[in-house]
Protein backbone atom coordinates (compact mmCIF):
# COMPACT_ATOMS: atom_id res chain seq x y z
CA UNK A 1 -0.90 19.77 7.23
CA UNK A 2 -3.85 17.42 7.09
CA UNK A 3 -5.25 15.76 4.01
CA UNK A 4 -9.04 15.50 4.41
CA UNK A 5 -10.68 12.64 2.53
CA UNK A 6 -14.37 11.78 2.15
CA UNK A 7 -15.84 8.64 0.59
CA UNK A 8 -19.53 8.14 -0.06
CA UNK A 9 -22.57 9.20 -2.04
CA UNK A 10 -25.79 11.14 -1.53
CA UNK A 11 -26.90 8.79 1.24
CA UNK A 12 -23.80 8.20 3.40
CA UNK A 13 -20.22 9.36 3.86
CA UNK A 14 -17.15 8.23 5.77
CA UNK A 15 -14.26 10.59 6.31
CA UNK A 16 -10.77 10.80 7.78
CA UNK A 17 -7.85 13.20 8.10
CA UNK A 18 -4.39 11.89 7.30
CA UNK A 19 -1.14 13.51 8.37
CA UNK A 20 -0.03 14.52 4.90
CA UNK A 21 2.68 16.96 5.97
CA UNK A 22 3.53 20.23 4.21
CA UNK A 23 5.69 18.70 1.45
CA UNK A 24 3.18 19.39 -1.31
CA UNK A 25 3.04 23.03 -0.22
CA UNK A 26 6.78 23.38 -0.91
CA UNK A 27 7.82 23.21 2.74
CA UNK A 28 10.56 20.93 4.04
CA UNK A 29 12.24 20.56 0.64
CA UNK A 30 15.52 22.23 -0.27
CA UNK A 31 14.15 24.22 -3.20
CA UNK A 32 10.45 24.07 -2.40
CA UNK A 33 8.18 27.12 -2.35
CA UNK A 34 4.47 28.02 -2.46
CA UNK A 35 2.66 28.26 -5.79
CA UNK A 36 3.68 31.89 -6.30
CA UNK A 37 5.50 33.87 -8.97
CA UNK A 38 8.75 32.17 -9.91
CA UNK A 39 7.67 28.66 -8.94
CA UNK A 40 8.15 25.75 -11.35
CA UNK A 41 4.66 24.29 -11.54
CA UNK A 42 5.07 21.91 -14.48
CA UNK A 43 8.15 19.74 -15.14
CA UNK A 44 8.79 17.23 -17.92
CA UNK A 45 11.67 15.05 -19.07
CA UNK A 46 11.38 14.51 -22.82
CA UNK A 47 12.18 11.41 -24.87
CA UNK A 48 15.57 12.95 -25.63
CA UNK A 49 16.25 13.39 -21.88
CA UNK A 50 15.76 17.16 -22.07
CA UNK A 51 14.26 18.72 -18.95
CA UNK A 52 11.51 21.26 -19.63
CA UNK A 53 9.42 23.30 -17.19
CA UNK A 54 7.02 26.19 -16.88
CA UNK A 55 7.29 29.00 -14.33
CA UNK A 56 4.38 30.83 -12.71
CA UNK A 57 4.55 34.39 -14.00
CA UNK A 58 7.39 33.55 -16.39
CA UNK A 59 11.02 34.57 -15.92
CA UNK A 60 13.75 32.67 -14.15
CA UNK A 61 12.67 29.96 -11.68
CA UNK A 62 13.01 30.42 -7.93
CA UNK A 63 12.06 26.89 -6.85
CA UNK A 64 9.42 24.18 -7.10
CA UNK A 65 5.85 24.33 -5.82
CA UNK A 66 3.80 21.23 -4.97
CA UNK A 67 2.64 20.35 -8.48
CA UNK A 68 6.19 20.80 -9.79
CA UNK A 69 7.54 18.52 -7.07
CA UNK A 70 5.04 15.81 -8.00
CA UNK A 71 5.94 16.19 -11.68
CA UNK A 72 9.70 15.94 -11.13
CA UNK A 73 9.28 12.93 -8.85
CA UNK A 74 7.10 11.18 -11.43
CA UNK A 75 9.43 12.05 -14.31
CA UNK A 76 12.58 10.92 -12.48
CA UNK A 77 10.87 7.64 -11.63
CA UNK A 78 9.35 6.86 -15.02
CA UNK A 79 12.59 7.71 -16.86
CA UNK A 80 14.69 5.57 -14.55
CA UNK A 81 16.66 8.25 -12.69
CA UNK A 82 15.45 6.90 -9.35
CA UNK A 83 14.40 3.43 -8.24
CA UNK A 84 11.17 2.44 -6.51
CA UNK A 85 12.59 3.47 -3.12
CA UNK A 86 13.45 6.96 -4.39
CA UNK A 87 17.22 6.41 -4.57
CA UNK A 88 19.17 7.90 -7.46
CA UNK A 89 20.71 5.64 -10.07
CA UNK A 90 24.17 7.10 -10.58
CA UNK A 91 24.68 5.66 -14.06
CA UNK A 92 21.48 7.34 -15.26
CA UNK A 93 21.66 10.67 -13.42
CA UNK A 94 25.23 11.28 -14.61
CA UNK A 95 26.41 14.88 -14.54
CA UNK A 96 23.17 16.15 -12.99
CA UNK A 97 23.87 14.21 -9.79
CA UNK A 98 25.47 16.21 -6.97
CA UNK A 99 26.36 15.66 -3.32
CA UNK A 100 26.45 18.08 -0.39
CA UNK A 101 28.46 15.67 1.73
CA UNK A 102 25.38 14.37 3.53
CA UNK A 103 22.94 13.70 0.73
CA UNK A 104 22.70 13.35 -3.03
CA UNK A 105 20.68 15.61 -5.28
CA UNK A 106 19.60 16.08 -8.90
CA UNK A 107 20.06 19.42 -10.67
CA UNK A 108 16.82 20.59 -12.24
CA UNK A 109 18.17 23.99 -13.31
CA UNK A 110 21.65 25.42 -13.04
CA UNK A 111 22.60 28.52 -11.07
CA UNK A 112 23.12 30.70 -14.14
CA UNK A 113 19.51 30.22 -15.24
CA UNK A 114 17.85 30.49 -11.82
CA UNK A 115 16.48 33.61 -10.13
CA UNK A 116 18.66 33.29 -7.02
CA UNK A 117 21.86 32.37 -8.84
CA UNK A 118 21.90 28.93 -7.19
CA UNK A 119 21.26 25.47 -8.58
CA UNK A 120 17.65 24.33 -8.22
CA UNK A 121 17.82 20.73 -7.04
CA UNK A 122 15.81 17.93 -5.53
CA UNK A 123 17.58 15.89 -2.86
CA UNK A 124 17.06 12.27 -1.87
CA UNK A 125 15.76 13.44 1.51
CA UNK A 126 13.22 15.60 -0.35
CA UNK A 127 12.11 12.56 -2.33
CA UNK A 128 11.77 10.51 0.86
CA UNK A 129 9.61 13.26 2.34
CA UNK A 130 7.39 13.33 -0.75
CA UNK A 131 7.01 9.55 -0.70
CA UNK A 132 5.92 9.62 2.93
CA UNK A 133 3.40 12.33 2.13
CA UNK A 134 1.87 10.61 -0.88
CA UNK A 135 1.87 7.38 1.11
CA UNK A 136 -0.19 8.92 3.90
CA UNK A 137 -2.83 10.11 1.44
CA UNK A 138 -3.07 6.95 -0.64
CA UNK A 139 -3.14 4.62 2.38
CA UNK A 140 -5.94 6.68 3.94
CA UNK A 141 -7.97 6.37 0.72
CA UNK A 142 -7.30 2.64 0.60
CA UNK A 143 -8.35 2.15 4.21
CA UNK A 144 -11.62 4.03 3.76
CA UNK A 145 -12.50 1.85 0.77
CA UNK A 146 -11.70 -1.38 2.58
CA UNK A 147 -13.69 -0.35 5.64
CA UNK A 148 -16.87 -0.17 3.55
CA UNK A 149 -16.11 -3.22 1.40
CA UNK A 150 -15.17 -1.36 -1.79
CA UNK A 151 -12.10 -1.10 -3.99
CA UNK A 152 -10.73 1.46 -6.44
CA UNK A 153 -12.74 0.04 -9.36
CA UNK A 154 -15.94 0.99 -7.49
CA UNK A 155 -15.07 4.70 -7.48
CA UNK A 156 -17.38 6.70 -9.70
CA UNK A 157 -15.80 10.16 -9.43
CA UNK A 158 -12.85 11.73 -7.62
CA UNK A 159 -13.08 15.40 -6.66
CA UNK A 160 -9.76 17.13 -5.96
CA UNK A 161 -10.08 20.26 -3.85
CA UNK A 162 -7.74 23.04 -2.80
CA UNK A 163 -5.55 25.53 -4.62
CA UNK A 164 -2.89 22.87 -4.92
CA UNK A 165 -5.31 20.55 -6.70
CA UNK A 166 -5.97 23.06 -9.46
CA UNK A 167 -2.49 22.67 -10.95
CA UNK A 168 -2.00 19.01 -10.06
CA UNK A 169 -1.26 16.75 -13.03
CA UNK A 170 -3.34 13.61 -12.46
CA UNK A 171 -1.02 11.45 -14.55
CA UNK A 172 1.99 12.43 -12.45
CA UNK A 173 0.01 11.88 -9.25
CA UNK A 174 -0.95 8.36 -10.34
CA UNK A 175 2.62 7.55 -11.37
CA UNK A 176 3.99 8.23 -7.90
CA UNK A 177 1.10 6.44 -6.17
CA UNK A 178 -0.68 9.48 -4.77
CA UNK A 179 -3.96 8.84 -6.62
CA UNK A 180 -5.45 5.48 -7.64
CA UNK A 181 -4.82 4.11 -11.12
CA UNK A 182 -8.34 4.43 -12.49
CA UNK A 183 -9.97 6.01 -15.55
CA UNK A 184 -8.57 9.55 -15.74
CA UNK A 185 -11.92 10.96 -16.86
CA UNK A 186 -13.23 10.28 -13.33
CA UNK A 187 -11.05 13.04 -11.83
CA UNK A 188 -12.46 16.54 -11.38
CA UNK A 189 -10.89 19.73 -9.97
CA UNK A 190 -12.94 21.84 -7.55
CA UNK A 191 -10.45 24.61 -6.76
CA UNK A 192 -10.57 26.24 -3.33
CA UNK A 193 -13.75 24.51 -2.21
CA UNK A 194 -13.45 25.45 1.47
CA UNK A 195 -13.48 29.15 0.61
CA UNK A 196 -16.29 28.67 -1.92
CA UNK A 197 -18.24 26.72 0.69
CA UNK A 198 -17.81 29.48 3.26
CA UNK A 199 -19.15 32.01 0.76
CA UNK A 200 -22.13 29.80 -0.05
CA UNK A 201 -23.03 29.33 3.63
CA UNK A 202 -23.11 33.10 4.07
CA UNK A 203 -25.33 33.65 1.05
CA UNK A 204 -28.42 31.71 2.05
CA UNK A 205 -30.09 29.71 4.81
CA UNK A 206 -30.72 26.90 2.32
CA UNK A 207 -27.00 26.51 1.72
CA UNK A 208 -26.38 26.33 5.46
CA UNK A 209 -29.01 23.62 5.78
CA UNK A 210 -27.41 21.62 2.96
CA UNK A 211 -23.97 21.88 4.54
CA UNK A 212 -25.28 20.89 7.97
CA UNK A 213 -27.15 17.95 6.44
CA UNK A 214 -23.98 16.73 4.71
CA UNK A 215 -22.00 17.00 7.94
CA UNK A 216 -24.56 14.90 9.82
CA UNK A 217 -24.21 12.08 7.25
CA UNK A 218 -20.46 11.76 7.86
CA UNK A 219 -18.90 9.02 9.95
CA UNK A 220 -15.39 9.98 11.04
CA UNK A 221 -12.66 7.33 11.20
CA UNK A 222 -9.63 7.94 13.41
CA UNK A 223 -6.75 6.41 11.43
CA UNK A 224 -4.42 6.03 14.39
CA UNK A 225 -6.88 3.67 16.08
CA UNK A 226 -7.23 1.53 12.97
CA UNK A 227 -5.04 -1.59 13.36
CA UNK A 228 -4.55 -1.98 9.59
CA UNK A 229 -3.51 1.60 8.88
CA UNK A 230 0.22 1.19 9.49
CA UNK A 231 0.29 -1.83 7.18
CA UNK A 232 -1.44 0.21 4.50
CA UNK A 233 0.97 3.09 5.07
CA UNK A 234 4.11 0.92 4.99
CA UNK A 235 2.97 -0.67 1.74
CA UNK A 236 2.66 2.76 0.12
CA UNK A 237 6.26 3.83 0.84
CA UNK A 238 7.46 2.76 -2.58
CA UNK A 239 6.92 4.15 -6.06
CA UNK A 240 4.14 3.79 -6.89
CA UNK A 241 3.34 1.11 -4.25
CA UNK A 242 4.71 -2.16 -2.87
CA UNK A 243 1.90 -3.94 -4.73
CA UNK A 244 2.79 -2.80 -8.23
CA UNK A 245 -0.26 -4.54 -9.71
CA UNK A 246 -2.43 -1.86 -8.09
CA UNK A 247 -0.97 0.48 -10.73
CA UNK A 248 -1.10 -1.43 -14.04
CA UNK A 249 -0.58 1.61 -16.26
CA UNK A 250 2.54 2.58 -14.29
CA UNK A 251 3.88 -0.98 -14.25
CA UNK A 252 4.09 -0.90 -18.05
CA UNK A 253 6.20 2.25 -18.02
CA UNK A 254 8.78 1.86 -15.25
CA UNK A 255 12.44 1.02 -15.76
CA UNK A 256 13.15 -2.23 -13.83
CA UNK A 257 15.69 -2.22 -11.02
CA UNK A 258 18.89 -4.13 -11.56
CA UNK A 259 18.39 -7.78 -10.87
CA UNK A 260 14.67 -7.67 -11.63
């Protein structure tokens, strides 16, 4: 699954496609699922360490969709259940920590309260997959900015497209290092913009001309030919990032690792 990113304004645009993987669509994770009935789409760990969630359509949960996965990753990190590399802290996770003999996991909901009668969990390998995915997206954004001599503080507005984006919690996305740590009022949801755009092209010649004009202004950057991309990507494989000062609001919240 590609993550398409465009940077620019009314006069110019640069664009790229990063290999984001299907993790945020619920694929490749033990209890992941699409954003359909029964999916946990909002997850929170309260100040009293109680885990709360909402389920699409109500009823017992079947699994976690993309927005729920981002929430649980952010909550586990901010509350100190995992370290910056996505590894569980045994002393914190306590009785919710399980092992299948090959990997460790965290119980989000027990079997008796789930739709399938099985524990709903997130495994360390799931977390690693999510970190790689968010890293691909953030590093692509960072590279585009650097290629045109800008940084995150220069961003005026961020438009988040796609069905997934509609239920994405921006705060959770920033906490894991998926989105830049900038003024939250700059983020806007567009919904399924590709489908809306297809409709608009069919409705009038003027819309087709506008779309064609926008396409002609775009300069495409092939990330795999960019010598700095792998450095950007490697730096993003931590929560929220190797350079913690890029995320000042998150830095204030995280539980420090032992020894520092």
